[in-house]
Amino acid sequence: MKLLILYFMCRVAAPVDFATVTGLTVCDDGIDYFDFAEALSELVDTGHLTLEDGLYAITEKGRANSAACESSLPFSVKRKCSAQLVKLNGILRRNAQVRAETHLRTDGGVALQLFLDDETGNLLTLEMFCGSQEQADRLARNFKAEPERIYNEVLSALLSSGEDGKDEREE
C-alpha cells in the first residue's frame, strides 16, 4: 500500500489533497480505505511525504525509497496508475498556470488578481477592484473557465488603435 502511494506521489505534477490521493490509490475493490488512510499517515510520520495546508507532497526520502522498490509493482498496476495520472497531471498543470487570488481591501471591497502563465513564465496579470467577494469569485470562475479567450481579447483591445476601426496589426 505504501509503495503504491509513493509511486503515485512521485508522478503527480503538484501537491495534492487527501481526496485526490485517496481517489488515485483506492481505485479498486482490493484496497481497503482504512488501510490506505493508515499507510498515508505513516508515510507522513516517517518523512516520506509532507502534509502542509492540507496538501501532500513527496520528499526526497520518499522518492528514493519509491525508486528502489517500484520494480516490485506489477506492470498492470503501473499501467493503471499511468492512465489515472495523465488526466490528473493535466488538471494540476492547468491549475498552476491559471490562478486567481482575492484580498480584502482596507477601504472596502475586494482586490482580485488573475494570473495566466505558460511554461516560460507569466503571460498576463490583471488586478481588479470588486464590490464584493461574490463578484470576485464569479469573475475568478469565469477567468479560470476561459483564460485563453480573455487573454486574446485583452491583447486585441490593447493592439487596437481605436481610430477608424484600424489597428496596428493592419498597418
N, C-alpha and C. Protein backbone atom coordinates (compact mmCIF):
# COMPACT_ATOMS: atom_id res chain seq x y z
N MET A 1 0.83 -1.20 0.00
CA MET A 1 0.00 0.00 0.00
C MET A 1 0.88 1.26 0.00
N LYS A 2 1.89 1.28 0.88
CA LYS A 2 2.76 2.45 0.95
C LYS A 2 3.52 2.65 -0.36
N LEU A 3 3.97 1.57 -0.93
CA LEU A 3 4.69 1.67 -2.20
C LEU A 3 3.80 2.23 -3.30
N LEU A 4 2.56 1.80 -3.34
CA LEU A 4 1.62 2.33 -4.32
C LEU A 4 1.40 3.83 -4.13
N ILE A 5 1.26 4.25 -2.89
CA ILE A 5 1.08 5.68 -2.61
C ILE A 5 2.32 6.46 -3.06
N LEU A 6 3.50 5.95 -2.73
CA LEU A 6 4.73 6.63 -3.13
C LEU A 6 4.88 6.66 -4.65
N TYR A 7 4.49 5.58 -5.31
CA TYR A 7 4.56 5.51 -6.76
C TYR A 7 3.72 6.63 -7.38
N PHE A 8 2.50 6.80 -6.89
CA PHE A 8 1.64 7.88 -7.38
C PHE A 8 2.25 9.25 -7.06
N MET A 9 2.68 9.41 -5.82
CA MET A 9 3.15 10.72 -5.38
C MET A 9 4.42 11.16 -6.11
N CYS A 10 5.23 10.22 -6.56
CA CYS A 10 6.41 10.56 -7.38
C CYS A 10 6.01 11.14 -8.72
N ARG A 11 4.82 10.85 -9.15
CA ARG A 11 4.42 11.17 -10.51
C ARG A 11 3.36 12.26 -10.63
N VAL A 12 2.85 12.77 -9.52
CA VAL A 12 1.88 13.86 -9.62
C VAL A 12 2.64 15.16 -9.86
N ALA A 13 2.02 16.05 -10.62
CA ALA A 13 2.67 17.28 -11.05
C ALA A 13 2.74 18.35 -9.96
N ALA A 14 1.97 18.19 -8.89
CA ALA A 14 1.94 19.18 -7.82
C ALA A 14 1.39 18.50 -6.56
N PRO A 15 1.59 19.14 -5.40
CA PRO A 15 0.99 18.58 -4.18
C PRO A 15 -0.52 18.42 -4.34
N VAL A 16 -1.07 17.38 -3.69
CA VAL A 16 -2.49 17.07 -3.82
C VAL A 16 -3.13 16.88 -2.46
N ASP A 17 -4.44 17.03 -2.41
CA ASP A 17 -5.17 16.88 -1.16
C ASP A 17 -5.50 15.41 -0.88
N PHE A 18 -6.05 15.17 0.30
CA PHE A 18 -6.36 13.81 0.74
C PHE A 18 -7.30 13.10 -0.22
N ALA A 19 -8.33 13.81 -0.66
CA ALA A 19 -9.31 13.19 -1.56
C ALA A 19 -8.67 12.73 -2.86
N THR A 20 -7.72 13.50 -3.37
CA THR A 20 -7.05 13.12 -4.62
C THR A 20 -6.16 11.91 -4.42
N VAL A 21 -5.39 11.89 -3.33
CA VAL A 21 -4.55 10.71 -3.04
C VAL A 21 -5.44 9.49 -2.85
N THR A 22 -6.56 9.67 -2.18
CA THR A 22 -7.50 8.57 -1.97
C THR A 22 -8.03 8.06 -3.30
N GLY A 23 -8.47 8.96 -4.15
CA GLY A 23 -9.01 8.58 -5.45
C GLY A 23 -8.00 7.83 -6.31
N LEU A 24 -6.75 8.24 -6.25
CA LEU A 24 -5.70 7.56 -7.01
C LEU A 24 -5.42 6.17 -6.47
N THR A 25 -5.37 6.06 -5.16
CA THR A 25 -4.90 4.82 -4.53
C THR A 25 -6.01 3.80 -4.33
N VAL A 26 -7.15 4.23 -3.86
CA VAL A 26 -8.26 3.31 -3.59
C VAL A 26 -9.07 3.19 -4.88
N CYS A 27 -8.47 2.59 -5.87
CA CYS A 27 -9.07 2.58 -7.21
C CYS A 27 -9.77 1.27 -7.56
N ASP A 28 -9.67 0.29 -6.71
CA ASP A 28 -10.42 -0.94 -6.96
C ASP A 28 -10.80 -1.60 -5.64
N ASP A 29 -11.52 -2.68 -5.72
CA ASP A 29 -12.05 -3.32 -4.52
C ASP A 29 -10.99 -3.97 -3.65
N GLY A 30 -9.80 -4.15 -4.17
CA GLY A 30 -8.75 -4.84 -3.41
C GLY A 30 -8.06 -3.97 -2.39
N ILE A 31 -8.37 -2.68 -2.35
CA ILE A 31 -7.69 -1.77 -1.43
C ILE A 31 -8.69 -1.26 -0.41
N ASP A 32 -8.36 -1.47 0.84
CA ASP A 32 -9.22 -1.06 1.95
C ASP A 32 -8.93 0.40 2.31
N TYR A 33 -9.97 1.20 2.44
CA TYR A 33 -9.82 2.62 2.75
C TYR A 33 -9.07 2.83 4.05
N PHE A 34 -9.39 2.08 5.08
CA PHE A 34 -8.77 2.29 6.39
C PHE A 34 -7.29 1.91 6.37
N ASP A 35 -6.93 0.87 5.64
CA ASP A 35 -5.52 0.51 5.47
C ASP A 35 -4.79 1.63 4.72
N PHE A 36 -5.45 2.16 3.71
CA PHE A 36 -4.87 3.27 2.95
C PHE A 36 -4.63 4.47 3.84
N ALA A 37 -5.64 4.89 4.61
CA ALA A 37 -5.52 6.07 5.45
C ALA A 37 -4.40 5.90 6.47
N GLU A 38 -4.28 4.72 7.03
CA GLU A 38 -3.21 4.45 8.00
C GLU A 38 -1.84 4.52 7.31
N ALA A 39 -1.73 3.92 6.14
CA ALA A 39 -0.45 3.94 5.40
C ALA A 39 -0.05 5.37 5.04
N LEU A 40 -1.01 6.17 4.60
CA LEU A 40 -0.72 7.56 4.25
C LEU A 40 -0.21 8.32 5.46
N SER A 41 -0.85 8.15 6.58
CA SER A 41 -0.44 8.81 7.82
C SER A 41 0.97 8.38 8.23
N GLU A 42 1.26 7.09 8.09
CA GLU A 42 2.59 6.60 8.45
C GLU A 42 3.66 7.15 7.52
N LEU A 43 3.34 7.33 6.25
CA LEU A 43 4.31 7.91 5.31
C LEU A 43 4.65 9.36 5.68
N VAL A 44 3.67 10.08 6.20
CA VAL A 44 3.94 11.44 6.68
C VAL A 44 4.79 11.37 7.94
N ASP A 45 4.42 10.48 8.87
CA ASP A 45 5.16 10.34 10.14
C ASP A 45 6.62 9.95 9.92
N THR A 46 6.90 9.14 8.90
CA THR A 46 8.27 8.68 8.65
C THR A 46 9.05 9.61 7.72
N GLY A 47 8.44 10.69 7.28
CA GLY A 47 9.15 11.67 6.45
C GLY A 47 9.22 11.33 4.97
N HIS A 48 8.42 10.38 4.52
CA HIS A 48 8.37 10.06 3.09
C HIS A 48 7.48 11.06 2.33
N LEU A 49 6.49 11.59 3.03
CA LEU A 49 5.59 12.60 2.49
C LEU A 49 5.51 13.77 3.45
N THR A 50 5.17 14.93 2.94
CA THR A 50 4.88 16.07 3.79
C THR A 50 3.39 16.38 3.67
N LEU A 51 2.86 17.01 4.69
CA LEU A 51 1.48 17.48 4.69
C LEU A 51 1.49 18.93 5.14
N GLU A 52 1.24 19.83 4.20
CA GLU A 52 1.21 21.26 4.50
C GLU A 52 -0.03 21.88 3.88
N ASP A 53 -0.78 22.60 4.70
CA ASP A 53 -2.00 23.28 4.24
C ASP A 53 -2.96 22.31 3.56
N GLY A 54 -3.03 21.07 4.05
CA GLY A 54 -3.95 20.08 3.53
C GLY A 54 -3.48 19.41 2.24
N LEU A 55 -2.24 19.67 1.81
CA LEU A 55 -1.72 19.09 0.58
C LEU A 55 -0.53 18.17 0.87
N TYR A 56 -0.56 17.01 0.24
CA TYR A 56 0.51 16.03 0.39
C TYR A 56 1.52 16.18 -0.75
N ALA A 57 2.80 16.07 -0.39
CA ALA A 57 3.88 16.12 -1.38
C ALA A 57 4.93 15.09 -0.97
N ILE A 58 5.64 14.57 -1.95
CA ILE A 58 6.67 13.57 -1.67
C ILE A 58 7.98 14.26 -1.33
N THR A 59 8.74 13.65 -0.44
CA THR A 59 10.05 14.16 -0.06
C THR A 59 11.13 13.42 -0.85
N GLU A 60 12.36 13.87 -0.71
CA GLU A 60 13.47 13.16 -1.36
C GLU A 60 13.59 11.74 -0.81
N LYS A 61 13.36 11.59 0.48
CA LYS A 61 13.39 10.25 1.08
C LYS A 61 12.33 9.36 0.44
N GLY A 62 11.14 9.90 0.24
CA GLY A 62 10.06 9.15 -0.39
C GLY A 62 10.40 8.78 -1.83
N ARG A 63 11.01 9.71 -2.56
CA ARG A 63 11.41 9.44 -3.95
C ARG A 63 12.46 8.33 -4.01
N ALA A 64 13.43 8.40 -3.13
CA ALA A 64 14.50 7.40 -3.12
C ALA A 64 13.94 6.01 -2.80
N ASN A 65 13.09 5.93 -1.81
CA ASN A 65 12.52 4.63 -1.44
C ASN A 65 11.58 4.10 -2.52
N SER A 66 10.84 4.98 -3.17
CA SER A 66 9.97 4.55 -4.25
C SER A 66 10.78 4.01 -5.42
N ALA A 67 11.83 4.74 -5.78
CA ALA A 67 12.67 4.31 -6.91
C ALA A 67 13.31 2.95 -6.63
N ALA A 68 13.69 2.73 -5.38
CA ALA A 68 14.35 1.46 -5.03
C ALA A 68 13.40 0.28 -5.07
N CYS A 69 12.11 0.52 -4.87
CA CYS A 69 11.16 -0.58 -4.73
C CYS A 69 10.12 -0.68 -5.85
N GLU A 70 10.03 0.32 -6.73
CA GLU A 70 8.92 0.33 -7.68
C GLU A 70 8.95 -0.82 -8.68
N SER A 71 10.09 -1.44 -8.87
CA SER A 71 10.14 -2.58 -9.80
C SER A 71 9.32 -3.76 -9.28
N SER A 72 9.00 -3.75 -8.00
CA SER A 72 8.18 -4.84 -7.46
C SER A 72 6.69 -4.66 -7.74
N LEU A 73 6.30 -3.48 -8.22
CA LEU A 73 4.89 -3.27 -8.58
C LEU A 73 4.61 -3.97 -9.91
N PRO A 74 3.51 -4.69 -10.02
CA PRO A 74 3.18 -5.35 -11.28
C PRO A 74 2.97 -4.34 -12.41
N PHE A 75 3.29 -4.75 -13.62
CA PHE A 75 3.13 -3.89 -14.79
C PHE A 75 1.69 -3.42 -14.94
N SER A 76 0.73 -4.29 -14.67
CA SER A 76 -0.68 -3.92 -14.81
C SER A 76 -1.05 -2.78 -13.86
N VAL A 77 -0.47 -2.79 -12.67
CA VAL A 77 -0.73 -1.71 -11.70
C VAL A 77 -0.11 -0.41 -12.20
N LYS A 78 1.12 -0.50 -12.70
CA LYS A 78 1.79 0.70 -13.23
C LYS A 78 1.01 1.29 -14.40
N ARG A 79 0.50 0.44 -15.27
CA ARG A 79 -0.26 0.91 -16.42
C ARG A 79 -1.54 1.62 -15.96
N LYS A 80 -2.22 1.04 -14.99
CA LYS A 80 -3.44 1.65 -14.48
C LYS A 80 -3.12 2.99 -13.80
N CYS A 81 -2.01 3.03 -13.07
CA CYS A 81 -1.59 4.27 -12.42
C CYS A 81 -1.31 5.35 -13.45
N SER A 82 -0.61 4.99 -14.51
CA SER A 82 -0.26 5.97 -15.55
C SER A 82 -1.51 6.56 -16.19
N ALA A 83 -2.49 5.74 -16.44
CA ALA A 83 -3.73 6.22 -17.05
C ALA A 83 -4.42 7.24 -16.14
N GLN A 84 -4.43 6.97 -14.84
CA GLN A 84 -5.05 7.91 -13.90
C GLN A 84 -4.26 9.21 -13.80
N LEU A 85 -2.95 9.10 -13.86
CA LEU A 85 -2.10 10.27 -13.68
C LEU A 85 -2.13 11.23 -14.86
N VAL A 86 -2.35 10.74 -16.06
CA VAL A 86 -2.36 11.61 -17.24
C VAL A 86 -3.42 12.70 -17.07
N LYS A 87 -4.62 12.31 -16.74
CA LYS A 87 -5.71 13.28 -16.58
C LYS A 87 -5.44 14.21 -15.40
N LEU A 88 -5.06 13.64 -14.25
CA LEU A 88 -4.82 14.44 -13.06
C LEU A 88 -3.72 15.46 -13.30
N ASN A 89 -2.61 15.04 -13.90
CA ASN A 89 -1.49 15.96 -14.11
C ASN A 89 -1.86 17.09 -15.08
N GLY A 90 -2.70 16.80 -16.05
CA GLY A 90 -3.18 17.86 -16.93
C GLY A 90 -3.95 18.92 -16.15
N ILE A 91 -4.79 18.47 -15.26
CA ILE A 91 -5.57 19.40 -14.42
C ILE A 91 -4.64 20.17 -13.49
N LEU A 92 -3.70 19.49 -12.86
CA LEU A 92 -2.77 20.15 -11.93
C LEU A 92 -1.92 21.20 -12.64
N ARG A 93 -1.44 20.88 -13.83
CA ARG A 93 -0.63 21.85 -14.58
C ARG A 93 -1.45 23.07 -14.96
N ARG A 94 -2.67 22.82 -15.41
CA ARG A 94 -3.54 23.95 -15.78
C ARG A 94 -3.84 24.81 -14.55
N ASN A 95 -4.13 24.18 -13.43
CA ASN A 95 -4.40 24.94 -12.21
C ASN A 95 -3.20 25.77 -11.77
N ALA A 96 -2.01 25.28 -12.04
CA ALA A 96 -0.80 26.03 -11.69
C ALA A 96 -0.61 27.22 -12.63
N GLN A 97 -1.12 27.12 -13.84
CA GLN A 97 -0.94 28.18 -14.83
C GLN A 97 -2.07 29.20 -14.86
N VAL A 98 -3.22 28.85 -14.35
CA VAL A 98 -4.38 29.74 -14.33
C VAL A 98 -4.82 29.88 -12.88
N ARG A 99 -4.55 31.06 -12.31
CA ARG A 99 -4.83 31.24 -10.89
C ARG A 99 -5.59 32.54 -10.63
N ALA A 100 -6.25 32.56 -9.51
CA ALA A 100 -6.93 33.78 -9.06
C ALA A 100 -6.75 33.90 -7.56
N GLU A 101 -6.52 35.11 -7.11
CA GLU A 101 -6.37 35.38 -5.67
C GLU A 101 -7.23 36.58 -5.31
N THR A 102 -7.80 36.53 -4.13
CA THR A 102 -8.58 37.67 -3.64
C THR A 102 -8.01 38.14 -2.32
N HIS A 103 -8.12 39.45 -2.10
CA HIS A 103 -7.66 40.06 -0.86
C HIS A 103 -8.66 41.13 -0.47
N LEU A 104 -9.08 41.12 0.79
CA LEU A 104 -9.96 42.18 1.27
C LEU A 104 -9.16 43.48 1.34
N ARG A 105 -9.76 44.54 0.85
CA ARG A 105 -9.11 45.86 0.89
C ARG A 105 -9.48 46.57 2.17
N THR A 106 -8.56 47.36 2.69
CA THR A 106 -8.83 48.08 3.94
C THR A 106 -9.90 49.15 3.75
N ASP A 107 -10.03 49.66 2.51
CA ASP A 107 -11.03 50.69 2.24
C ASP A 107 -12.36 50.11 1.78
N GLY A 108 -12.52 48.80 1.91
CA GLY A 108 -13.75 48.13 1.49
C GLY A 108 -13.58 47.48 0.14
N GLY A 109 -14.41 46.50 -0.12
CA GLY A 109 -14.33 45.78 -1.39
C GLY A 109 -13.25 44.71 -1.37
N VAL A 110 -13.02 44.17 -2.54
CA VAL A 110 -12.10 43.04 -2.69
C VAL A 110 -11.17 43.31 -3.87
N ALA A 111 -9.89 43.07 -3.67
CA ALA A 111 -8.94 43.13 -4.78
C ALA A 111 -8.84 41.72 -5.36
N LEU A 112 -9.02 41.62 -6.66
CA LEU A 112 -8.94 40.34 -7.37
C LEU A 112 -7.72 40.38 -8.28
N GLN A 113 -6.87 39.38 -8.16
CA GLN A 113 -5.73 39.24 -9.05
C GLN A 113 -5.91 37.97 -9.86
N LEU A 114 -5.74 38.09 -11.18
CA LEU A 114 -5.87 36.96 -12.10
C LEU A 114 -4.53 36.76 -12.78
N PHE A 115 -4.09 35.50 -12.87
CA PHE A 115 -2.78 35.18 -13.43
C PHE A 115 -2.93 34.11 -14.51
N LEU A 116 -2.24 34.32 -15.62
CA LEU A 116 -2.14 33.31 -16.68
C LEU A 116 -0.67 33.14 -17.01
N ASP A 117 -0.17 31.93 -16.82
CA ASP A 117 1.23 31.60 -17.07
C ASP A 117 1.32 30.54 -18.14
N ASP A 118 2.52 30.41 -18.71
CA ASP A 118 2.82 29.25 -19.54
C ASP A 118 4.11 28.64 -19.00
N GLU A 119 4.73 27.75 -19.75
CA GLU A 119 5.90 27.05 -19.25
C GLU A 119 7.09 27.98 -19.00
N THR A 120 7.10 29.13 -19.67
CA THR A 120 8.24 30.04 -19.55
C THR A 120 8.02 31.15 -18.53
N GLY A 121 6.80 31.37 -18.09
CA GLY A 121 6.55 32.43 -17.11
C GLY A 121 5.18 33.05 -17.28
N ASN A 122 5.04 34.23 -16.71
CA ASN A 122 3.76 34.92 -16.69
C ASN A 122 3.43 35.54 -18.03
N LEU A 123 2.21 35.30 -18.50
CA LEU A 123 1.70 35.91 -19.73
C LEU A 123 0.83 37.12 -19.43
N LEU A 124 0.05 37.03 -18.35
CA LEU A 124 -0.92 38.08 -18.05
C LEU A 124 -1.19 38.10 -16.56
N THR A 125 -1.20 39.29 -16.00
CA THR A 125 -1.64 39.51 -14.63
C THR A 125 -2.60 40.68 -14.65
N LEU A 126 -3.79 40.48 -14.15
CA LEU A 126 -4.79 41.54 -14.04
C LEU A 126 -5.14 41.72 -12.58
N GLU A 127 -5.27 42.97 -12.16
CA GLU A 127 -5.74 43.24 -10.82
C GLU A 127 -6.96 44.14 -10.95
N MET A 128 -8.02 43.76 -10.26
CA MET A 128 -9.29 44.48 -10.39
C MET A 128 -9.89 44.72 -9.01
N PHE A 129 -10.68 45.78 -8.92
CA PHE A 129 -11.48 46.03 -7.73
C PHE A 129 -12.84 45.38 -7.93
N CYS A 130 -13.31 44.70 -6.90
CA CYS A 130 -14.65 44.10 -6.92
C CYS A 130 -15.41 44.62 -5.71
N GLY A 131 -16.69 44.84 -5.90
CA GLY A 131 -17.51 45.36 -4.82
C GLY A 131 -17.78 44.35 -3.71
N SER A 132 -17.69 43.07 -4.04
CA SER A 132 -17.98 42.04 -3.03
C SER A 132 -17.17 40.77 -3.31
N GLN A 133 -17.11 39.91 -2.34
CA GLN A 133 -16.42 38.63 -2.51
C GLN A 133 -17.14 37.77 -3.54
N GLU A 134 -18.48 37.85 -3.57
CA GLU A 134 -19.26 37.09 -4.54
C GLU A 134 -18.91 37.50 -5.97
N GLN A 135 -18.79 38.81 -6.19
CA GLN A 135 -18.43 39.29 -7.52
C GLN A 135 -17.02 38.83 -7.89
N ALA A 136 -16.09 38.91 -6.95
CA ALA A 136 -14.72 38.47 -7.21
C ALA A 136 -14.69 36.97 -7.53
N ASP A 137 -15.45 36.19 -6.79
CA ASP A 137 -15.49 34.75 -7.04
C ASP A 137 -16.05 34.44 -8.42
N ARG A 138 -17.08 35.18 -8.83
CA ARG A 138 -17.68 34.97 -10.15
C ARG A 138 -16.69 35.32 -11.26
N LEU A 139 -16.01 36.45 -11.13
CA LEU A 139 -15.02 36.84 -12.12
C LEU A 139 -13.88 35.82 -12.18
N ALA A 140 -13.45 35.34 -11.03
CA ALA A 140 -12.37 34.35 -10.99
C ALA A 140 -12.79 33.05 -11.67
N ARG A 141 -14.02 32.59 -11.41
CA ARG A 141 -14.53 31.37 -12.07
C ARG A 141 -14.57 31.54 -13.58
N ASN A 142 -15.06 32.68 -14.04
CA ASN A 142 -15.15 32.93 -15.47
C ASN A 142 -13.75 32.99 -16.11
N PHE A 143 -12.81 33.61 -15.42
CA PHE A 143 -11.44 33.67 -15.93
C PHE A 143 -10.84 32.28 -16.03
N LYS A 144 -11.02 31.47 -14.99
CA LYS A 144 -10.46 30.12 -14.99
C LYS A 144 -11.10 29.23 -16.05
N ALA A 145 -12.34 29.51 -16.41
CA ALA A 145 -13.03 28.71 -17.42
C ALA A 145 -12.51 28.99 -18.82
N GLU A 146 -12.11 30.23 -19.11
CA GLU A 146 -11.69 30.60 -20.47
C GLU A 146 -10.52 31.58 -20.44
N PRO A 147 -9.41 31.24 -19.84
CA PRO A 147 -8.31 32.21 -19.74
C PRO A 147 -7.71 32.59 -21.09
N GLU A 148 -7.65 31.65 -22.02
CA GLU A 148 -7.06 31.95 -23.33
C GLU A 148 -7.90 32.96 -24.09
N ARG A 149 -9.23 32.81 -24.04
CA ARG A 149 -10.11 33.75 -24.73
C ARG A 149 -9.96 35.14 -24.12
N ILE A 150 -9.92 35.23 -22.81
CA ILE A 150 -9.80 36.52 -22.15
C ILE A 150 -8.44 37.16 -22.48
N TYR A 151 -7.38 36.37 -22.47
CA TYR A 151 -6.05 36.86 -22.85
C TYR A 151 -6.08 37.43 -24.26
N ASN A 152 -6.66 36.68 -25.19
CA ASN A 152 -6.71 37.14 -26.58
C ASN A 152 -7.54 38.40 -26.74
N GLU A 153 -8.63 38.52 -26.00
CA GLU A 153 -9.46 39.73 -26.10
C GLU A 153 -8.74 40.94 -25.51
N VAL A 154 -8.03 40.76 -24.41
CA VAL A 154 -7.26 41.86 -23.84
C VAL A 154 -6.17 42.27 -24.82
N LEU A 155 -5.47 41.29 -25.37
CA LEU A 155 -4.41 41.58 -26.34
C LEU A 155 -4.97 42.31 -27.56
N SER A 156 -6.10 41.87 -28.09
CA SER A 156 -6.72 42.54 -29.23
C SER A 156 -7.10 43.97 -28.89
N ALA A 157 -7.66 44.18 -27.72
CA ALA A 157 -8.05 45.53 -27.31
C ALA A 157 -6.82 46.43 -27.18
N LEU A 158 -5.74 45.90 -26.66
CA LEU A 158 -4.53 46.70 -26.49
C LEU A 158 -3.83 47.00 -27.82
N LEU A 159 -3.95 46.08 -28.77
CA LEU A 159 -3.33 46.29 -30.08
C LEU A 159 -4.16 47.21 -30.97
N SER A 160 -5.42 47.37 -30.66
CA SER A 160 -6.31 48.22 -31.45
C SER A 160 -6.00 49.69 -31.16
N SER A 161 -5.90 50.49 -32.22
CA SER A 161 -5.63 51.92 -32.02
C SER A 161 -6.88 52.68 -31.65
N GLY A 162 -8.05 52.11 -31.97
CA GLY A 162 -9.31 52.77 -31.66
C GLY A 162 -9.70 53.85 -32.64
N GLU A 163 -8.88 54.09 -33.67
CA GLU A 163 -9.18 55.13 -34.65
C GLU A 163 -9.60 54.48 -35.97
N ASP A 164 -10.72 54.91 -36.50
CA ASP A 164 -11.22 54.46 -37.79
C ASP A 164 -11.33 52.94 -37.91
N GLY A 165 -11.45 52.24 -36.82
CA GLY A 165 -11.61 50.80 -36.85
C GLY A 165 -10.36 50.05 -37.26
N LYS A 166 -9.23 50.75 -37.47
CA LYS A 166 -7.99 50.09 -37.82
C LYS A 166 -7.21 49.79 -36.56
N ASP A 167 -6.38 48.80 -36.67
CA ASP A 167 -5.48 48.55 -35.56
C ASP A 167 -4.06 48.45 -36.08
N GLU A 168 -3.11 48.43 -35.20
CA GLU A 168 -1.70 48.43 -35.57
C GLU A 168 -1.31 47.20 -36.37
N ARG A 169 -2.03 46.11 -36.22
CA ARG A 169 -1.70 44.89 -36.95
C ARG A 169 -1.96 45.07 -38.44
N GLU A 170 -2.92 45.93 -38.80
CA GLU A 170 -3.26 46.13 -40.20
C GLU A 170 -2.32 47.11 -40.89
N GLU A 171 -1.57 47.88 -40.12
CA GLU A 171 -0.69 48.91 -40.70
C GLU A 171 0.65 48.33 -41.04
